[in-house]
Amino acid sequence: MRSLAVGLALLGASAASAQDGPAAHVIQVTGIGRVSTMPDVALIDYWVAGEGKTPDDASSALVAKQKAIIGGVSGLLRGAAQISNSNLVVIAVRGPECRNGNGYDQQPHFDEGPCAVIGYLATIQGTIRTSHIDQAGTAVGLASRLGARDARLRSFELSDRQTAYAAAIESAIADAKRQAVTIARATGEKLGPILMLRDQNFRPVDDITVTGMRVSAPPPPPAPRAPVEIGINPQPIETNAQVYVSFAIAS
């Protein structure tokens, strides 16, 4: 049986005055609510790299792969995707002889001798947010086929966490009332109204808003040759709430 913070207290018996009125009998309980909701948003991360003898060559190779990935994944997901990019880096690449005991390029080097620049590497990270969670696994495989160096299904989320949290709060309050009724009945008392209720959880404020997730530009290109279908079966997302409630005992 789970441990519940349940108390029956007589408040202010010795300190009550004629102005304060009679002391109140109070039942204090902690209610717990839990709601399971199937996710409706999938998040995919991928990384792309372009190589070349010059910075422009590396950047051009990166752009070509990035364009192929965005076009192919957008076609697969029928436009229901938001694709963003970050962490763009273009760095010089030196020969394998340009090392020291602490690892590659730990100290500054002149671009000559064994540390001469032999090429450039451009890398970028992309994120795909889609409501087609049934196609998320297939999208990961397709991104890899189209040039992603690393693609992975990061997580599933709810587009409306506030609604799930509100349902969990309702469940927690109902749980608290059931406990208080049981205690009142066991002590031969009658349960009165709620005197105080405190939400014990941090209320989420950074909700993700998903409005169809349609791209407003030209229609997405068709997907390339049929990708390998990878089935996805996510688990429900648990939303928990806990409330601390004080009930009066009716006189």
Protein backbone atom coordinates (compact mmCIF):
# COMPACT_ATOMS: atom_id res chain seq x y z
CA MET A 1 0.00 0.00 0.00
CA ARG A 2 1.53 3.30 -1.03
CA SER A 3 2.47 5.75 1.69
CA LEU A 4 0.12 8.72 1.90
CA ALA A 5 0.64 11.93 3.80
CA VAL A 6 -2.64 11.80 5.70
CA GLY A 7 -3.26 13.65 8.94
CA LEU A 8 -6.20 14.47 11.13
CA ALA A 9 -5.47 17.55 13.26
CA LEU A 10 -7.22 19.78 15.70
CA LEU A 11 -6.01 23.31 14.92
CA GLY A 12 -5.83 26.19 17.34
CA ALA A 13 -7.71 24.55 20.21
CA SER A 14 -5.84 26.41 22.93
CA ALA A 15 -5.44 29.67 21.00
CA ALA A 16 -9.05 30.07 19.86
CA SER A 17 -10.80 33.22 21.01
CA ALA A 18 -14.37 34.40 20.90
CA GLN A 19 -13.52 36.46 17.83
CA ASP A 20 -11.83 33.57 16.06
CA GLY A 21 -14.75 31.24 16.65
CA PRO A 22 -14.49 27.56 17.48
CA ALA A 23 -11.41 25.60 16.48
CA ALA A 24 -11.64 23.77 13.15
CA HIS A 25 -11.21 20.06 12.67
CA VAL A 26 -9.20 19.50 9.48
CA ILE A 27 -8.33 16.49 7.35
CA GLN A 28 -5.10 16.91 5.39
CA VAL A 29 -4.29 14.54 2.55
CA THR A 30 -1.95 14.27 -0.43
CA GLY A 31 -3.63 13.25 -3.69
CA ILE A 32 -1.78 11.71 -6.60
CA GLY A 33 -2.97 11.69 -10.20
CA ARG A 34 -1.48 9.99 -13.23
CA VAL A 35 -2.59 10.20 -16.87
CA SER A 36 -1.22 8.17 -19.81
CA THR A 37 -1.33 9.84 -23.22
CA MET A 38 -0.02 8.52 -26.51
CA PRO A 39 2.57 10.92 -28.01
CA ASP A 40 1.72 12.82 -31.16
CA VAL A 41 5.09 14.44 -31.96
CA ALA A 42 8.40 12.78 -32.87
CA LEU A 43 11.80 14.49 -32.75
CA ILE A 44 14.62 13.34 -35.04
CA ASP A 45 18.22 14.55 -34.92
CA TYR A 46 20.68 14.16 -37.79
CA TRP A 47 24.16 15.36 -38.66
CA VAL A 48 25.56 16.11 -42.12
CA ALA A 49 29.16 16.58 -43.23
CA GLY A 50 30.70 17.93 -46.42
CA GLU A 51 34.35 17.54 -47.38
CA GLY A 52 36.48 19.44 -49.86
CA LYS A 53 39.87 20.90 -50.67
CA THR A 54 38.61 24.42 -49.99
CA PRO A 55 36.01 25.85 -47.60
CA ASP A 56 33.70 26.45 -50.56
CA ASP A 57 34.06 22.85 -51.73
CA ALA A 58 33.21 21.53 -48.26
CA SER A 59 30.28 23.94 -47.91
CA SER A 60 28.92 23.02 -51.34
CA ALA A 61 29.08 19.31 -50.53
CA LEU A 62 27.27 19.99 -47.26
CA VAL A 63 24.54 22.02 -48.95
CA ALA A 64 23.93 19.30 -51.55
CA LYS A 65 23.49 16.60 -48.89
CA GLN A 66 21.35 18.87 -46.74
CA LYS A 67 19.08 19.68 -49.69
CA ALA A 68 18.68 15.99 -50.52
CA ILE A 69 17.80 15.11 -46.92
CA ILE A 70 15.26 17.93 -46.50
CA GLY A 71 13.64 17.18 -49.85
CA GLY A 72 13.45 13.44 -49.29
CA VAL A 73 12.22 13.56 -45.70
CA SER A 74 9.68 16.30 -46.49
CA GLY A 75 8.32 14.16 -49.30
CA LEU A 76 8.11 11.09 -47.09
CA LEU A 77 6.32 13.00 -44.33
CA ARG A 78 4.02 14.73 -46.84
CA GLY A 79 5.04 18.17 -45.63
CA ALA A 80 4.10 17.49 -41.99
CA ALA A 81 7.56 18.32 -40.69
CA GLN A 82 9.42 21.28 -39.27
CA ILE A 83 13.12 21.06 -40.09
CA SER A 84 15.63 23.34 -38.41
CA ASN A 85 19.44 23.53 -38.38
CA SER A 86 22.10 24.54 -35.88
CA ASN A 87 25.75 24.04 -34.94
CA LEU A 88 27.23 24.81 -38.35
CA VAL A 89 31.02 24.38 -38.31
CA VAL A 90 33.61 24.67 -41.10
CA ILE A 91 37.07 23.61 -39.96
CA ALA A 92 40.47 23.02 -41.50
CA VAL A 93 41.72 19.42 -41.67
CA ARG A 94 45.41 18.65 -41.22
CA GLY A 95 47.42 15.56 -42.02
CA PRO A 96 47.70 12.56 -39.69
CA GLU A 97 51.28 13.54 -38.79
CA CYS A 98 50.06 16.72 -37.12
CA ARG A 99 49.57 15.21 -33.68
CA ASN A 100 51.09 15.43 -30.26
CA GLY A 101 50.95 13.39 -27.11
CA ASN A 102 47.73 15.06 -25.97
CA GLY A 103 45.75 14.36 -29.11
CA TYR A 104 45.04 16.06 -32.42
CA ASP A 105 45.70 19.77 -32.73
CA GLN A 106 45.81 20.56 -29.01
CA GLN A 107 48.18 23.49 -29.62
CA PRO A 108 48.17 26.16 -32.37
CA HIS A 109 50.16 25.19 -35.49
CA PHE A 110 51.52 26.98 -38.51
CA ASP A 111 49.91 25.81 -41.74
CA GLU A 112 53.11 24.21 -43.00
CA GLY A 113 55.10 21.00 -42.76
CA PRO A 114 53.23 18.08 -41.19
CA CYS A 115 50.49 20.49 -40.02
CA ALA A 116 49.68 21.91 -43.44
CA VAL A 117 45.97 22.12 -44.18
CA ILE A 118 44.94 19.29 -46.54
CA GLY A 119 41.24 20.11 -46.78
CA TYR A 120 38.12 21.36 -45.03
CA LEU A 121 35.21 19.75 -43.25
CA ALA A 122 31.79 21.39 -42.94
CA THR A 123 29.27 19.91 -40.49
CA ILE A 124 25.75 20.85 -39.41
CA GLN A 125 23.12 19.44 -37.10
CA GLY A 126 19.48 19.24 -38.12
CA THR A 127 16.30 18.57 -36.18
CA ILE A 128 13.07 17.23 -37.62
CA ARG A 129 9.81 17.66 -35.70
CA THR A 130 6.88 15.75 -37.15
CA SER A 131 3.35 14.71 -36.25
CA HIS A 132 3.69 11.58 -38.45
CA ILE A 133 5.19 9.49 -35.67
CA ASP A 134 4.33 6.29 -37.56
CA GLN A 135 6.86 7.36 -40.21
CA ALA A 136 9.56 8.59 -37.81
CA GLY A 137 11.64 5.41 -37.99
CA THR A 138 11.44 5.33 -41.77
CA ALA A 139 12.49 9.00 -41.88
CA VAL A 140 15.62 8.20 -39.84
CA GLY A 141 16.64 5.46 -42.28
CA LEU A 142 15.90 7.69 -45.28
CA ALA A 143 17.97 10.58 -43.89
CA SER A 144 20.92 8.20 -43.52
CA ARG A 145 20.50 6.93 -47.07
CA LEU A 146 20.43 10.52 -48.39
CA GLY A 147 23.73 11.48 -46.75
CA ALA A 148 23.23 12.02 -43.00
CA ARG A 149 26.36 11.00 -41.14
CA ASP A 150 24.30 10.16 -38.06
CA ALA A 151 20.51 10.12 -37.74
CA ARG A 152 18.53 9.10 -34.69
CA LEU A 153 15.02 9.20 -33.29
CA ARG A 154 15.58 11.33 -30.20
CA SER A 155 12.22 11.30 -28.40
CA PHE A 156 8.45 11.50 -28.51
CA GLU A 157 6.44 14.37 -27.05
CA LEU A 158 2.92 15.68 -26.54
CA SER A 159 1.79 18.68 -28.54
CA ASP A 160 -0.56 19.71 -25.72
CA ARG A 161 1.01 18.96 -22.35
CA GLN A 162 -1.24 21.42 -20.51
CA THR A 163 -4.34 19.36 -21.28
CA ALA A 164 -2.66 16.19 -20.02
CA TYR A 165 -1.50 18.00 -16.89
CA ALA A 166 -4.99 19.38 -16.22
CA ALA A 167 -6.37 15.83 -16.42
CA ALA A 168 -3.70 14.64 -13.98
CA ILE A 169 -4.60 17.46 -11.55
CA GLU A 170 -8.28 16.47 -11.69
CA SER A 171 -7.30 12.87 -10.97
CA ALA A 172 -5.11 13.98 -8.03
CA ILE A 173 -7.91 16.06 -6.49
CA ALA A 174 -10.36 13.18 -6.87
CA ASP A 175 -7.83 10.89 -5.18
CA ALA A 176 -7.46 13.34 -2.30
CA LYS A 177 -11.23 13.55 -1.85
CA ARG A 178 -11.58 9.75 -1.80
CA GLN A 179 -8.99 9.57 0.97
CA ALA A 180 -10.62 12.35 2.98
CA VAL A 181 -14.08 10.73 2.70
CA THR A 182 -12.65 7.44 3.95
CA ILE A 183 -10.98 9.13 6.91
CA ALA A 184 -14.09 11.13 7.81
CA ARG A 185 -16.27 8.04 7.63
CA ALA A 186 -13.85 6.03 9.77
CA THR A 187 -13.87 8.74 12.46
CA GLY A 188 -17.64 9.20 12.38
CA GLU A 189 -17.40 12.71 10.96
CA LYS A 190 -18.88 14.39 7.90
CA LEU A 191 -16.54 15.85 5.30
CA GLY A 192 -16.82 19.58 4.71
CA PRO A 193 -15.51 21.88 1.94
CA ILE A 194 -11.90 22.32 0.83
CA LEU A 195 -10.08 24.88 2.94
CA MET A 196 -6.74 24.86 1.09
CA LEU A 197 -5.30 23.21 -2.00
CA ARG A 198 -1.67 23.41 -3.11
CA ASP A 199 -0.22 22.07 -6.35
CA GLN A 200 2.94 20.16 -5.43
CA ASN A 201 4.20 19.94 -9.03
CA PHE A 202 6.03 22.38 -11.25
CA ARG A 203 3.54 23.42 -13.87
CA PRO A 204 5.02 23.14 -17.41
CA VAL A 205 5.10 26.45 -19.24
CA ASP A 206 7.18 25.76 -22.34
CA ASP A 207 4.47 23.90 -24.19
CA ILE A 208 5.09 22.79 -27.73
CA THR A 209 2.48 24.10 -30.11
CA VAL A 210 1.87 21.99 -33.20
CA THR A 211 -0.61 23.43 -35.67
CA GLY A 212 -0.78 20.86 -38.41
CA MET A 213 2.95 21.32 -39.01
CA ARG A 214 2.44 22.20 -42.66
CA VAL A 215 5.11 23.98 -44.61
CA SER A 216 3.76 27.12 -46.24
CA ALA A 217 6.15 27.07 -49.19
CA PRO A 218 5.74 25.09 -52.41
CA PRO A 219 4.41 21.54 -52.01
CA PRO A 220 7.06 19.07 -50.83
CA PRO A 221 8.89 17.04 -53.45
CA PRO A 222 7.96 13.40 -53.87
CA ALA A 223 9.92 10.94 -51.78
CA PRO A 224 12.78 9.15 -53.53
CA ARG A 225 12.57 5.45 -54.28
CA ALA A 226 10.64 3.61 -51.63
CA PRO A 227 12.58 3.78 -48.35
CA VAL A 228 12.87 0.88 -45.96
CA GLU A 229 9.84 0.93 -43.68
CA ILE A 230 10.84 0.93 -40.00
CA GLY A 231 7.87 0.45 -37.69
CA ILE A 232 7.60 2.58 -34.56
CA ASN A 233 5.47 1.75 -31.53
CA PRO A 234 6.08 4.41 -28.83
CA GLN A 235 5.02 4.00 -25.22
CA PRO A 236 2.44 6.35 -23.67
CA ILE A 237 3.78 9.45 -21.96
CA GLU A 238 3.03 9.53 -18.23
CA THR A 239 1.89 12.88 -16.81
CA ASN A 240 1.94 13.03 -13.01
CA ALA A 241 0.43 15.50 -10.57
CA GLN A 242 0.37 15.76 -6.78
CA VAL A 243 -1.79 18.03 -4.64
CA TYR A 244 -1.88 18.78 -0.93
CA VAL A 245 -5.45 19.38 0.27
CA SER A 246 -7.02 20.39 3.57
CA PHE A 247 -10.71 19.58 4.06
CA ALA A 248 -12.90 20.96 6.82
CA ILE A 249 -14.94 18.57 8.91
CA ALA A 250 -18.55 19.70 8.88
CA SER A 251 -19.99 20.40 12.30
